[in-house]
Amino acid sequence: MDQLKYRSVFDIIGPIMVGPSSSHTAGAARIGKVVRRIFGEQPTSVDIYLYESFAKTYRGHGTDIALVGGLLGMEPDDEHLADSLKIAHEQGMEVCFVPKKEKAEHPNMVQLKVSKGAHKLTVTGISIGGGNIQISEVNGFKLSLSLGTPTFVIVQQDVPGMIAKITQLFSQADVNIGTMTVTRESKGEKAIMIIETDERRDDFLAEIQQMDAVYSASYFE
């Protein structure tokens, strides 16, 4: 199985513009940006596992530049997106692309494993068409996150009282919780909280981010 690493600008054939498929470009960029926001910082090491259609056409359709651009915090229409691989290299981000032969739950599926020192995160994303995406797995936790409604994604340590503390902030802000999913690796380890709300508000996100035992907290509309 080939592992393709970009370490030099000479590895990049360009200029590469946004490709012909919104699934392979806009959707891929959004997946990358969601991973960056959940991770909470720019990773220094990235392994990108591509499946089915993504694995076959990721270079020609610009999926590679889109995913890395998203990890750099770029929007799908960012004028610098075509240079994302070069920029990532210049900023010390090592990227490894791994096309997979196995069947996947969706033809446009990608798994990103990002890290910076001891900080690690694994996210599986799907580009479902028209630039729309779904997140189907975070750190081994199965979930269905479409980001079509106001959504908070909180990664925290599994300690007593965390759910109560976080939901109390929502109550104090008068924000109604529509759905809430909580899952954990194991007792006392990392847990992930997915909260969908009725109101489009994130003015209390900083309070969540500053709470003890919270690793990262992100808000998506």
Protein backbone atom coordinates (compact mmCIF):
# COMPACT_ATOMS: atom_id res chain seq x y z
CA MET A 1 0.00 0.00 0.00
CA ASP A 2 1.51 3.32 -1.08
CA GLN A 3 2.04 6.08 1.43
CA LEU A 4 2.53 9.44 -0.28
CA LYS A 5 4.26 12.22 1.62
CA TYR A 6 4.64 15.81 0.57
CA ARG A 7 7.84 17.21 2.04
CA SER A 8 8.84 19.62 -0.70
CA VAL A 9 7.25 22.11 -3.05
CA PHE A 10 8.69 20.00 -5.88
CA ASP A 11 6.30 17.19 -4.93
CA ILE A 12 3.38 19.41 -5.94
CA ILE A 13 2.30 19.65 -9.57
CA GLY A 14 0.57 22.94 -10.03
CA PRO A 15 -1.07 25.19 -10.09
CA ILE A 16 -3.94 23.05 -8.76
CA MET A 17 -7.29 24.78 -8.63
CA VAL A 18 -10.53 23.59 -7.04
CA GLY A 19 -11.57 20.51 -8.93
CA PRO A 20 -14.71 19.68 -10.90
CA SER A 21 -16.57 17.99 -8.05
CA SER A 22 -17.99 19.80 -5.03
CA SER A 23 -17.98 16.47 -3.18
CA HIS A 24 -14.25 16.09 -3.73
CA THR A 25 -13.29 19.72 -3.09
CA ALA A 26 -15.75 21.87 -1.14
CA GLY A 27 -16.88 18.91 0.97
CA ALA A 28 -13.30 17.79 1.56
CA ALA A 29 -12.24 21.30 2.63
CA ARG A 30 -15.13 21.45 5.09
CA ILE A 31 -14.17 18.08 6.56
CA GLY A 32 -10.62 19.31 7.05
CA LYS A 33 -11.78 22.50 8.70
CA VAL A 34 -14.15 20.65 11.06
CA VAL A 35 -11.26 18.39 12.11
CA ARG A 36 -9.06 21.44 12.70
CA ARG A 37 -11.73 23.08 14.87
CA ILE A 38 -12.43 19.95 16.92
CA PHE A 39 -8.68 19.46 17.39
CA GLY A 40 -8.42 23.04 18.60
CA GLU A 41 -5.04 23.85 17.01
CA GLN A 42 -3.02 23.23 13.89
CA PRO A 43 -1.59 19.70 13.89
CA THR A 44 2.03 18.98 13.06
CA SER A 45 1.41 15.44 11.79
CA VAL A 46 -1.49 14.30 9.62
CA ASP A 47 -2.28 10.85 8.21
CA ILE A 48 -5.12 10.92 5.68
CA TYR A 49 -6.77 7.61 4.74
CA LEU A 50 -8.87 7.87 1.57
CA TYR A 51 -11.53 5.36 0.52
CA GLU A 52 -13.19 4.32 -2.75
CA SER A 53 -13.80 7.37 -5.00
CA PHE A 54 -11.63 9.59 -2.83
CA ALA A 55 -8.80 7.05 -3.05
CA LYS A 56 -9.00 6.85 -6.85
CA THR A 57 -9.28 10.52 -7.75
CA TYR A 58 -8.00 12.54 -4.79
CA ARG A 59 -5.12 14.07 -6.76
CA GLY A 60 -6.95 14.85 -9.98
CA HIS A 61 -10.00 16.32 -8.26
CA GLY A 62 -8.05 18.36 -5.72
CA THR A 63 -9.29 16.42 -2.70
CA ASP A 64 -5.76 16.42 -1.31
CA ILE A 65 -5.34 20.21 -1.44
CA ALA A 66 -8.88 20.70 -0.12
CA LEU A 67 -8.43 18.48 2.94
CA VAL A 68 -5.10 20.10 3.83
CA GLY A 69 -6.51 23.56 3.18
CA GLY A 70 -9.31 22.85 5.62
CA LEU A 71 -6.79 21.67 8.21
CA LEU A 72 -5.03 25.01 7.75
CA GLY A 73 -8.32 26.77 8.50
CA MET A 74 -9.19 27.69 4.90
CA GLU A 75 -12.68 27.92 3.44
CA PRO A 76 -13.44 26.02 0.20
CA ASP A 77 -13.21 29.26 -1.82
CA ASP A 78 -10.00 30.55 -0.21
CA GLU A 79 -7.69 32.01 -2.85
CA HIS A 80 -4.73 30.22 -1.23
CA LEU A 81 -6.35 26.78 -1.29
CA ALA A 82 -4.39 25.67 -4.37
CA ASP A 83 -1.15 26.26 -2.43
CA SER A 84 -2.25 24.40 0.71
CA LEU A 85 0.28 21.57 0.41
CA LYS A 86 3.14 24.05 0.02
CA ILE A 87 1.86 26.17 2.92
CA ALA A 88 1.48 23.11 5.15
CA HIS A 89 5.07 22.10 4.41
CA GLU A 90 6.33 25.61 5.14
CA GLN A 91 4.46 25.64 8.45
CA GLY A 92 5.92 22.31 9.56
CA MET A 93 2.86 20.14 8.97
CA GLU A 94 3.83 16.67 7.75
CA VAL A 95 1.07 15.14 5.63
CA CYS A 96 0.80 11.50 4.56
CA PHE A 97 -1.88 10.36 2.09
CA VAL A 98 -2.84 6.67 2.24
CA PRO A 99 -5.25 5.40 -0.45
CA LYS A 100 -7.17 2.38 0.89
CA LYS A 101 -8.58 -0.53 -1.10
CA GLU A 102 -11.20 -1.59 1.42
CA LYS A 103 -14.89 -0.92 0.88
CA ALA A 104 -16.34 1.94 2.90
CA GLU A 105 -19.75 3.04 4.13
CA HIS A 106 -19.69 5.81 1.51
CA PRO A 107 -17.65 6.28 -1.70
CA ASN A 108 -16.45 9.71 -0.57
CA MET A 109 -15.07 8.77 2.84
CA VAL A 110 -11.87 9.89 4.53
CA GLN A 111 -10.32 9.32 7.92
CA LEU A 112 -7.92 11.89 9.31
CA LYS A 113 -5.51 11.13 12.14
CA VAL A 114 -3.99 14.37 13.40
CA SER A 115 -1.54 14.98 16.21
CA LYS A 116 0.68 17.54 17.86
CA GLY A 117 2.89 16.04 20.54
CA ALA A 118 0.69 14.01 22.88
CA HIS A 119 -2.48 15.65 21.55
CA LYS A 120 -4.14 13.25 19.08
CA LEU A 121 -7.48 13.04 17.29
CA THR A 122 -9.04 10.67 14.75
CA VAL A 123 -12.07 11.75 12.72
CA THR A 124 -13.95 10.02 9.89
CA GLY A 125 -15.83 12.27 7.49
CA ILE A 126 -18.07 11.76 4.48
CA SER A 127 -18.72 14.20 1.63
CA ILE A 128 -22.35 13.59 0.67
CA GLY A 129 -22.61 15.98 -2.28
CA GLY A 130 -23.09 19.65 -2.96
CA GLY A 131 -20.38 20.54 -0.46
CA ASN A 132 -22.36 18.97 2.39
CA ILE A 133 -20.62 16.66 4.86
CA GLN A 134 -21.23 14.26 7.71
CA ILE A 135 -18.91 13.28 10.53
CA SER A 136 -19.44 9.59 11.30
CA GLU A 137 -16.73 8.87 13.87
CA VAL A 138 -14.58 10.79 16.35
CA ASN A 139 -11.84 8.98 18.27
CA GLY A 140 -13.55 5.66 17.63
CA PHE A 141 -16.96 6.93 18.76
CA LYS A 142 -19.69 6.27 16.19
CA LEU A 143 -21.97 9.24 15.65
CA SER A 144 -23.95 11.05 12.97
CA LEU A 145 -23.04 14.70 12.81
CA SER A 146 -24.36 16.59 9.77
CA LEU A 147 -23.73 20.11 11.11
CA GLY A 148 -27.04 21.18 9.58
CA THR A 149 -28.20 22.69 12.88
CA PRO A 150 -26.35 24.68 15.57
CA THR A 151 -24.01 22.11 17.11
CA PHE A 152 -21.46 22.07 19.93
CA VAL A 153 -18.75 19.42 19.93
CA ILE A 154 -17.00 19.14 23.31
CA VAL A 155 -14.10 16.82 24.07
CA GLN A 156 -13.50 16.47 27.79
CA GLN A 157 -12.17 14.15 30.43
CA ASP A 158 -14.73 11.76 31.85
CA VAL A 159 -15.07 13.11 35.38
CA PRO A 160 -18.15 13.37 37.63
CA GLY A 161 -20.30 16.44 37.17
CA MET A 162 -19.11 17.49 33.71
CA ILE A 163 -22.47 17.00 32.01
CA ALA A 164 -24.22 19.00 34.73
CA LYS A 165 -21.67 21.83 34.58
CA ILE A 166 -21.87 22.15 30.81
CA THR A 167 -25.66 21.90 30.52
CA GLN A 168 -25.98 24.50 33.29
CA LEU A 169 -24.19 26.99 31.05
CA PHE A 170 -26.78 26.34 28.33
CA SER A 171 -29.56 26.88 30.85
CA GLN A 172 -28.03 30.12 32.11
CA ALA A 173 -27.71 31.36 28.53
CA ASP A 174 -31.37 30.43 27.89
CA VAL A 175 -30.35 28.13 25.03
CA ASN A 176 -32.56 25.07 24.56
CA ILE A 177 -30.87 21.72 23.84
CA GLY A 178 -32.57 19.78 21.05
CA THR A 179 -30.49 16.61 21.12
CA MET A 180 -27.48 15.52 23.16
CA THR A 181 -25.15 12.57 22.77
CA VAL A 182 -22.41 11.64 25.23
CA THR A 183 -19.93 8.82 24.76
CA ARG A 184 -16.54 7.95 26.21
CA GLU A 185 -13.50 5.77 25.57
CA SER A 186 -13.68 4.24 29.04
CA LYS A 187 -14.25 5.34 32.62
CA GLY A 188 -12.10 8.34 33.47
CA GLU A 189 -10.75 8.70 29.91
CA LYS A 190 -11.75 11.09 27.10
CA ALA A 191 -15.42 11.65 26.43
CA ILE A 192 -17.21 13.49 23.63
CA MET A 193 -20.38 15.49 23.98
CA ILE A 194 -22.45 16.42 20.90
CA ILE A 195 -25.11 19.02 21.62
CA GLU A 196 -27.58 20.35 19.03
CA THR A 197 -29.46 23.48 20.01
CA ASP A 198 -32.52 25.40 18.85
CA GLU A 199 -30.79 28.78 19.01
CA ARG A 200 -27.85 29.98 16.91
CA ARG A 201 -25.64 31.27 19.71
CA ASP A 202 -22.07 30.64 20.72
CA ASP A 203 -21.34 33.63 22.98
CA PHE A 204 -20.73 31.30 25.95
CA LEU A 205 -18.40 28.95 24.05
CA ALA A 206 -15.32 30.54 25.65
CA GLU A 207 -16.67 29.64 29.10
CA ILE A 208 -16.91 25.99 28.07
CA GLN A 209 -13.40 26.05 26.58
CA GLN A 210 -11.97 27.41 29.84
CA MET A 211 -13.58 24.77 32.04
CA ASP A 212 -11.33 22.32 33.84
CA ALA A 213 -11.18 18.92 32.15
CA VAL A 214 -12.31 20.32 28.75
CA TYR A 215 -9.77 19.54 26.02
CA SER A 216 -11.58 21.37 23.22
CA ALA A 217 -14.98 22.85 22.42
CA SER A 218 -16.22 23.88 18.99
CA TYR A 219 -19.41 25.40 17.61
CA PHE A 220 -20.78 24.75 14.11
CA GLU A 221 -23.72 26.11 12.16
